[in-house]
N, C-alpha and C. Protein backbone atom coordinates (compact mmCIF):
# COMPACT_ATOMS: atom_id res chain seq x y z
N THR A 1 165.40 78.05 135.57
CA THR A 1 165.19 79.52 135.89
C THR A 1 166.45 80.31 134.71
N THR A 2 165.70 81.23 133.98
CA THR A 2 167.02 81.96 132.87
C THR A 2 166.80 83.85 133.27
N ILE A 3 167.88 84.05 133.38
CA ILE A 3 167.75 85.21 133.74
C ILE A 3 168.17 86.01 132.57
N TYR A 4 167.76 87.00 131.77
CA TYR A 4 168.16 88.02 130.84
C TYR A 4 168.11 89.27 131.36
N SER A 5 169.42 89.67 130.74
CA SER A 5 169.84 91.00 131.38
C SER A 5 170.25 92.37 130.60
N ASP A 6 170.12 92.15 128.84
CA ASP A 6 170.31 92.78 128.01
C ASP A 6 169.18 93.66 127.84
N ASP A 7 168.93 94.17 126.81
CA ASP A 7 168.12 95.18 126.37
C ASP A 7 166.62 94.43 126.50
N PRO A 8 165.39 95.01 126.70
CA PRO A 8 164.14 94.92 127.03
C PRO A 8 164.05 93.62 125.58
N VAL A 9 163.00 92.73 125.71
CA VAL A 9 162.39 92.07 124.70
C VAL A 9 161.06 92.47 124.54
N LYS A 10 160.86 93.07 123.18
CA LYS A 10 159.69 93.20 122.92
C LYS A 10 158.90 92.31 121.74
N PHE A 11 157.72 91.96 122.07
CA PHE A 11 157.06 90.88 121.19
C PHE A 11 156.33 91.58 120.45
N ASP A 12 155.88 91.24 119.10
CA ASP A 12 155.12 91.83 118.31
C ASP A 12 153.56 91.62 118.56
N VAL A 13 152.54 92.33 118.21
CA VAL A 13 151.55 92.26 118.35
C VAL A 13 150.81 91.00 117.58
N ILE A 14 149.97 90.48 118.13
CA ILE A 14 149.21 89.11 117.50
C ILE A 14 148.56 89.62 116.35
N PRO A 15 148.88 89.08 115.04
CA PRO A 15 148.33 89.61 114.07
C PRO A 15 146.55 89.62 114.16
N LEU A 16 145.61 90.09 113.30
CA LEU A 16 144.35 90.12 113.22
C LEU A 16 144.12 89.51 112.10
N PHE A 17 143.63 88.40 111.48
CA PHE A 17 143.04 87.62 110.43
C PHE A 17 141.60 88.41 109.78
N THR A 18 141.43 88.46 108.54
CA THR A 18 140.32 89.00 108.02
C THR A 18 139.31 87.94 107.87
N PRO A 19 138.21 88.20 108.53
CA PRO A 19 136.91 87.54 108.77
C PRO A 19 136.36 86.76 107.54
N GLU A 20 135.85 85.94 107.43
CA GLU A 20 135.78 84.95 106.35
C GLU A 20 133.86 84.37 106.64
N HIS A 21 133.65 84.31 108.01
CA HIS A 21 132.39 83.96 108.42
C HIS A 21 131.68 85.00 109.16
N PHE A 22 130.45 85.46 108.75
CA PHE A 22 129.65 86.13 109.24
C PHE A 22 128.47 86.17 110.04
N MET A 23 127.82 86.82 111.04
CA MET A 23 126.77 86.44 111.58
C MET A 23 126.29 87.96 112.18
N LYS A 24 124.95 88.10 112.04
CA LYS A 24 124.14 89.00 112.65
C LYS A 24 123.88 88.48 113.95
N VAL A 25 124.00 89.48 115.10
CA VAL A 25 123.87 89.23 116.63
C VAL A 25 123.07 90.23 117.08
N SER A 26 121.90 89.58 118.37
CA SER A 26 121.33 90.90 118.86
C SER A 26 121.23 89.85 120.26
N THR A 27 120.69 90.63 121.39
CA THR A 27 120.27 89.97 122.53
C THR A 27 118.74 89.46 122.43
N LYS A 28 118.63 88.18 123.18
CA LYS A 28 117.54 87.95 123.30
C LYS A 28 116.84 88.62 124.17
N ASP A 29 117.26 89.63 125.13
CA ASP A 29 116.47 90.62 126.05
C ASP A 29 116.81 92.17 125.48
N PRO A 30 116.01 92.67 125.20
CA PRO A 30 116.81 94.15 124.83
C PRO A 30 116.89 94.84 125.50
N PHE A 31 116.93 94.64 127.00
CA PHE A 31 117.61 95.41 128.10
C PHE A 31 118.98 95.12 128.18
N LYS A 32 119.41 93.86 127.67
CA LYS A 32 120.99 93.48 127.93
C LYS A 32 121.85 94.07 126.80
N ARG A 33 121.54 95.17 126.15
CA ARG A 33 122.28 95.68 125.08
C ARG A 33 123.60 96.18 125.48
N LYS A 34 123.60 96.88 126.80
CA LYS A 34 125.24 97.21 127.35
C LYS A 34 125.80 96.12 127.24
N GLN A 35 125.53 94.94 128.04
CA GLN A 35 126.40 93.66 128.17
C GLN A 35 126.53 93.26 127.07
N LEU A 36 125.67 93.41 125.88
CA LEU A 36 126.13 92.95 124.61
C LEU A 36 127.14 93.56 123.82
N ARG A 37 127.23 94.83 124.13
CA ARG A 37 128.68 95.83 123.54
C ARG A 37 129.77 95.39 124.48
N GLU A 38 129.51 95.49 125.88
CA GLU A 38 130.56 95.32 126.73
C GLU A 38 131.28 93.85 126.42
N GLY A 39 130.83 92.98 126.21
CA GLY A 39 131.25 91.18 126.31
C GLY A 39 131.77 91.14 124.90
N LEU A 40 131.11 91.92 123.67
CA LEU A 40 131.78 91.63 122.64
C LEU A 40 132.99 92.25 122.26
N LYS A 41 133.22 93.43 123.02
CA LYS A 41 134.31 94.20 123.15
C LYS A 41 135.39 93.66 123.56
N GLN A 42 135.33 92.77 124.90
CA GLN A 42 136.04 92.03 125.40
C GLN A 42 136.39 90.76 124.48
N LEU A 43 135.89 90.35 123.68
CA LEU A 43 136.01 89.12 123.08
C LEU A 43 136.37 89.72 121.86
N ALA A 44 136.42 90.99 121.67
CA ALA A 44 137.58 91.61 120.33
C ALA A 44 138.84 91.69 120.72
N GLU A 45 138.80 92.29 121.84
CA GLU A 45 139.95 92.76 122.07
C GLU A 45 141.26 91.08 122.43
N GLU A 46 140.34 90.27 122.77
CA GLU A 46 141.20 88.91 122.91
C GLU A 46 141.43 88.25 121.63
N GLY A 47 141.03 88.78 120.58
CA GLY A 47 140.90 88.37 119.34
C GLY A 47 139.97 87.12 119.02
N VAL A 48 138.97 86.79 119.64
CA VAL A 48 137.80 85.81 119.37
C VAL A 48 137.07 86.17 118.23
N VAL A 49 136.93 87.60 118.12
CA VAL A 49 135.77 87.86 116.74
C VAL A 49 136.06 89.32 116.78
N HIS A 50 135.62 89.62 115.40
CA HIS A 50 135.54 91.01 115.09
C HIS A 50 134.22 91.48 115.36
N VAL A 51 133.69 92.91 115.42
CA VAL A 51 132.59 93.09 115.66
C VAL A 51 132.56 94.50 115.10
N PHE A 52 131.28 94.30 114.09
CA PHE A 52 131.12 95.58 113.31
C PHE A 52 129.81 96.17 113.19
N GLU A 53 129.46 97.40 112.94
CA GLU A 53 128.12 97.66 112.96
C GLU A 53 127.64 97.11 111.93
N VAL A 54 126.14 96.82 112.11
CA VAL A 54 125.21 96.39 110.95
C VAL A 54 124.88 97.33 109.81
N PRO A 55 125.28 97.37 108.63
CA PRO A 55 124.90 98.53 107.67
C PRO A 55 123.38 98.50 107.66
N ASN A 56 122.96 99.55 107.80
CA ASN A 56 121.32 99.93 107.94
C ASN A 56 120.77 98.99 108.93
N GLY A 57 121.32 98.95 109.97
CA GLY A 57 120.94 98.11 111.11
C GLY A 57 120.36 98.82 112.33
N VAL A 58 119.52 98.17 113.11
CA VAL A 58 119.11 98.91 114.34
C VAL A 58 120.03 98.83 115.43
N GLY A 59 119.97 99.56 116.45
CA GLY A 59 120.65 99.56 117.57
C GLY A 59 121.10 98.25 118.23
N ASN A 60 120.06 97.53 118.33
CA ASN A 60 120.37 96.32 119.15
C ASN A 60 121.26 95.40 118.42
N GLU A 61 121.42 95.39 117.26
CA GLU A 61 122.36 94.36 116.35
C GLU A 61 123.75 94.77 116.05
N LEU A 62 124.66 93.86 115.78
CA LEU A 62 126.02 93.98 115.76
C LEU A 62 126.25 92.90 114.65
N LEU A 63 127.20 93.40 113.73
CA LEU A 63 127.85 92.01 112.82
C LEU A 63 129.12 91.36 113.55
N LEU A 64 129.37 90.00 113.49
CA LEU A 64 130.33 89.54 113.75
C LEU A 64 130.90 88.87 112.75
N GLY A 65 132.36 88.89 112.77
CA GLY A 65 133.22 88.17 111.67
C GLY A 65 134.22 87.35 112.57
N THR A 66 134.49 86.18 111.72
CA THR A 66 135.34 85.12 112.79
C THR A 66 135.99 84.52 111.46
N VAL A 67 137.39 84.23 111.74
CA VAL A 67 138.21 83.18 110.55
C VAL A 67 137.08 81.62 110.44
N GLY A 68 136.80 81.28 111.55
CA GLY A 68 136.07 79.81 111.58
C GLY A 68 134.49 80.09 111.88
N ALA A 69 133.73 79.05 111.63
CA ALA A 69 132.47 79.19 112.24
C ALA A 69 132.22 78.83 113.52
N LEU A 70 132.99 77.73 114.24
CA LEU A 70 132.93 77.53 115.54
C LEU A 70 133.47 78.62 116.61
N GLN A 71 133.91 79.64 115.93
CA GLN A 71 134.39 81.15 116.89
C GLN A 71 132.80 81.17 117.62
N PHE A 72 131.93 81.24 116.45
CA PHE A 72 130.52 81.70 117.18
C PHE A 72 130.06 80.98 118.15
N ASP A 73 130.09 79.68 118.21
CA ASP A 73 129.68 79.25 119.28
C ASP A 73 130.45 79.35 120.67
N VAL A 74 131.82 79.88 120.60
CA VAL A 74 132.64 80.57 121.76
C VAL A 74 131.92 81.61 122.18
N VAL A 75 131.84 82.50 121.27
CA VAL A 75 131.39 83.73 121.46
C VAL A 75 129.69 83.61 122.31
N LYS A 76 128.94 82.60 121.58
CA LYS A 76 127.67 82.57 122.39
C LYS A 76 127.98 81.82 123.70
N HIS A 77 128.71 80.73 123.93
CA HIS A 77 128.76 80.49 125.28
C HIS A 77 129.45 81.19 126.31
N ARG A 78 130.55 82.13 125.85
CA ARG A 78 131.20 83.46 126.88
C ARG A 78 130.09 84.24 127.09
N MET A 79 129.69 84.86 125.89
CA MET A 79 128.34 85.58 126.73
C MET A 79 127.36 85.45 127.60
N SER A 80 127.33 83.95 127.39
CA SER A 80 126.10 83.49 128.06
C SER A 80 126.78 83.46 129.61
N THR A 81 127.67 82.75 129.68
CA THR A 81 128.26 82.19 131.05
C THR A 81 129.14 83.72 131.87
N GLU A 82 129.61 84.38 130.82
CA GLU A 82 130.70 85.82 131.58
C GLU A 82 129.78 86.76 131.77
N TYR A 83 128.62 87.19 131.07
CA TYR A 83 127.82 88.22 130.95
C TYR A 83 126.48 87.94 131.04
N ASN A 84 126.25 87.00 131.14
CA ASN A 84 124.40 86.39 131.52
C ASN A 84 123.65 86.99 130.45
N THR A 85 124.30 86.92 129.04
CA THR A 85 123.38 87.49 128.26
C THR A 85 122.98 86.37 126.76
N GLU A 86 121.95 86.25 126.77
CA GLU A 86 121.64 85.09 125.60
C GLU A 86 121.65 85.58 124.34
N LEU A 87 122.20 85.38 123.34
CA LEU A 87 122.25 86.03 122.00
C LEU A 87 121.31 84.95 121.01
N HIS A 88 120.70 86.00 120.01
CA HIS A 88 120.17 85.66 119.00
C HIS A 88 121.06 85.63 117.62
N MET A 89 121.32 84.85 116.83
CA MET A 89 122.47 84.69 115.91
C MET A 89 121.57 84.57 114.53
N ASN A 90 121.88 85.33 113.69
CA ASN A 90 121.50 85.10 112.14
C ASN A 90 122.50 85.10 110.97
N SER A 91 122.39 83.95 110.33
CA SER A 91 123.60 84.16 109.00
C SER A 91 123.51 85.08 108.37
N VAL A 92 124.49 85.90 107.76
CA VAL A 92 124.20 86.87 106.70
C VAL A 92 125.16 86.39 105.73
N SER A 93 125.20 86.73 104.25
CA SER A 93 125.64 86.51 103.29
C SER A 93 126.71 87.09 102.73
N TYR A 94 127.61 87.48 103.73
CA TYR A 94 128.98 88.41 103.17
C TYR A 94 130.04 87.25 102.91
N HIS A 95 130.80 87.74 101.91
CA HIS A 95 131.77 86.93 101.42
C HIS A 95 133.15 87.20 102.21
N ALA A 96 133.35 88.66 102.14
CA ALA A 96 134.61 88.90 102.64
C ALA A 96 134.47 90.07 103.27
N ALA A 97 135.46 90.80 104.18
CA ALA A 97 135.59 92.10 104.71
C ALA A 97 137.04 92.82 104.47
N ARG A 98 137.14 94.01 104.32
CA ARG A 98 138.37 94.62 103.96
C ARG A 98 138.38 96.08 104.72
N TRP A 99 139.14 96.47 105.69
CA TRP A 99 139.42 97.71 105.88
C TRP A 99 139.70 98.53 105.09
N LEU A 100 139.27 100.12 105.37
CA LEU A 100 139.32 101.09 104.11
C LEU A 100 140.62 101.86 104.51
N SER A 101 141.14 102.76 103.72
CA SER A 101 141.88 103.66 104.08
C SER A 101 141.08 104.90 104.08
N ASP A 102 141.76 106.00 104.32
CA ASP A 102 140.83 107.27 104.93
C ASP A 102 140.47 107.88 103.26
N ASP A 103 140.51 107.39 102.16
CA ASP A 103 140.34 107.59 101.07
C ASP A 103 138.93 107.94 100.73
N GLN A 104 138.15 109.00 100.90
CA GLN A 104 136.66 109.17 100.58
C GLN A 104 136.33 108.75 99.41
N GLU A 105 136.92 108.89 98.23
CA GLU A 105 136.88 108.92 96.95
C GLU A 105 136.19 107.02 96.80
N VAL A 106 137.22 106.46 97.28
CA VAL A 106 137.10 105.01 97.27
C VAL A 106 135.94 104.63 98.22
N SER A 107 135.81 105.00 99.18
CA SER A 107 134.78 104.73 100.23
C SER A 107 133.36 105.00 99.40
N ASP A 108 133.27 106.32 98.97
CA ASP A 108 132.17 106.68 98.00
C ASP A 108 131.92 105.50 97.03
N LYS A 109 132.81 105.44 96.31
CA LYS A 109 132.71 104.45 95.08
C LYS A 109 132.11 102.80 95.36
N LEU A 110 132.70 102.49 96.78
CA LEU A 110 131.97 101.36 97.34
C LEU A 110 130.78 101.40 97.83
N GLU A 111 130.41 102.43 98.23
CA GLU A 111 129.32 102.52 99.03
C GLU A 111 128.04 102.76 97.80
N SER A 112 128.33 103.15 96.62
CA SER A 112 127.50 103.24 95.52
C SER A 112 127.15 101.70 95.10
N SER A 113 127.84 100.75 95.21
CA SER A 113 127.84 99.73 94.84
C SER A 113 126.63 98.54 95.43
N TYR A 114 126.07 97.94 94.71
CA TYR A 114 124.80 97.14 95.16
C TYR A 114 125.43 95.77 95.79
N SER A 115 126.90 95.29 95.43
CA SER A 115 127.20 94.32 96.50
C SER A 115 128.36 94.56 97.24
N THR A 116 128.63 95.92 97.29
CA THR A 116 129.36 96.04 98.67
C THR A 116 128.32 97.34 99.59
N HIS A 117 128.89 96.86 101.12
CA HIS A 117 128.19 97.84 102.04
C HIS A 117 129.31 98.01 103.09
N VAL A 118 129.68 99.62 102.83
CA VAL A 118 130.48 100.09 103.83
C VAL A 118 129.97 100.38 105.25
N THR A 119 130.75 99.81 106.59
CA THR A 119 130.42 100.27 107.65
C THR A 119 131.63 100.45 108.75
N THR A 120 131.51 100.36 109.93
CA THR A 120 132.53 100.67 110.83
C THR A 120 132.81 99.35 111.43
N ASP A 121 133.99 99.24 112.45
CA ASP A 121 134.22 98.17 113.35
C ASP A 121 134.03 98.96 114.42
N MET A 122 134.20 98.45 115.52
CA MET A 122 133.82 98.99 117.18
C MET A 122 134.82 100.12 117.48
N GLU A 123 135.92 100.09 116.45
CA GLU A 123 136.55 101.33 116.77
C GLU A 123 136.67 102.73 116.18
N GLY A 124 135.34 102.22 115.06
CA GLY A 124 135.08 103.41 113.96
C GLY A 124 136.06 103.59 112.98
N ASN A 125 136.76 102.31 112.73
CA ASN A 125 137.36 102.21 111.28
C ASN A 125 136.67 101.74 110.12
N PRO A 126 136.76 102.55 108.84
CA PRO A 126 135.74 101.94 108.17
C PRO A 126 136.19 100.73 107.42
N ILE A 127 135.14 99.97 107.14
CA ILE A 127 135.54 98.40 106.50
C ILE A 127 134.24 98.42 105.39
N VAL A 128 134.45 97.29 104.31
CA VAL A 128 133.80 97.08 103.45
C VAL A 128 133.51 95.84 103.65
N LEU A 129 132.12 95.26 103.41
CA LEU A 129 131.80 93.77 103.23
C LEU A 129 131.27 93.79 101.89
N PHE A 130 131.74 92.49 101.37
CA PHE A 130 131.51 92.40 99.98
C PHE A 130 130.66 90.85 100.06
N ASP A 131 129.58 91.17 99.15
CA ASP A 131 128.49 89.91 98.77
C ASP A 131 129.24 88.82 98.13
N SER A 132 130.19 88.99 97.42
CA SER A 132 130.64 87.67 96.73
C SER A 132 132.08 87.87 96.37
N GLY A 133 132.60 86.85 96.08
CA GLY A 133 134.18 86.92 95.60
C GLY A 133 134.46 87.75 94.35
N TYR A 134 133.27 87.55 93.41
CA TYR A 134 133.33 88.36 92.42
C TYR A 134 133.40 89.97 92.71
N ALA A 135 132.46 90.28 93.61
CA ALA A 135 132.63 91.90 93.92
C ALA A 135 133.82 92.21 94.51
N LEU A 136 134.54 91.24 95.28
CA LEU A 136 136.03 91.69 95.88
C LEU A 136 136.61 91.78 95.03
N ASN A 137 136.90 91.00 94.13
CA ASN A 137 137.72 90.86 92.79
C ASN A 137 137.46 92.21 91.79
N GLN A 138 136.39 92.71 91.73
CA GLN A 138 136.06 93.92 91.30
C GLN A 138 136.28 95.28 91.94
N ALA A 139 136.54 95.20 92.89
CA ALA A 139 136.66 96.38 93.89
C ALA A 139 137.92 96.86 93.41
């Protein structure tokens, strides 16, 4: 047993990594929309997945971003076992995502490009999705 009596120890927050793999997700049962959002919010808070609104999407779809492709299997399994919600996942062709500053001019420029898509994460923070490495380098 170790006892420490000096100043309280504060640990840094675990860093969030920029996603490199993306999937569009919806529930197989449209009445499970609330469970979908609650479950994905919990998994996002745990750092398992990033959750974004689908650009020009419908209400039952969300966009997931992960560092590795196997994280989608973890999401699917946990949503099934912990939230009794079966997911339907579709691959999307985004190459990268970056969070945006509050600079409206930058956001407008990126929205007008054919190879970028501006949307938000679950906290309402703006992000841009890039279709290719070329689009990312040109931004």
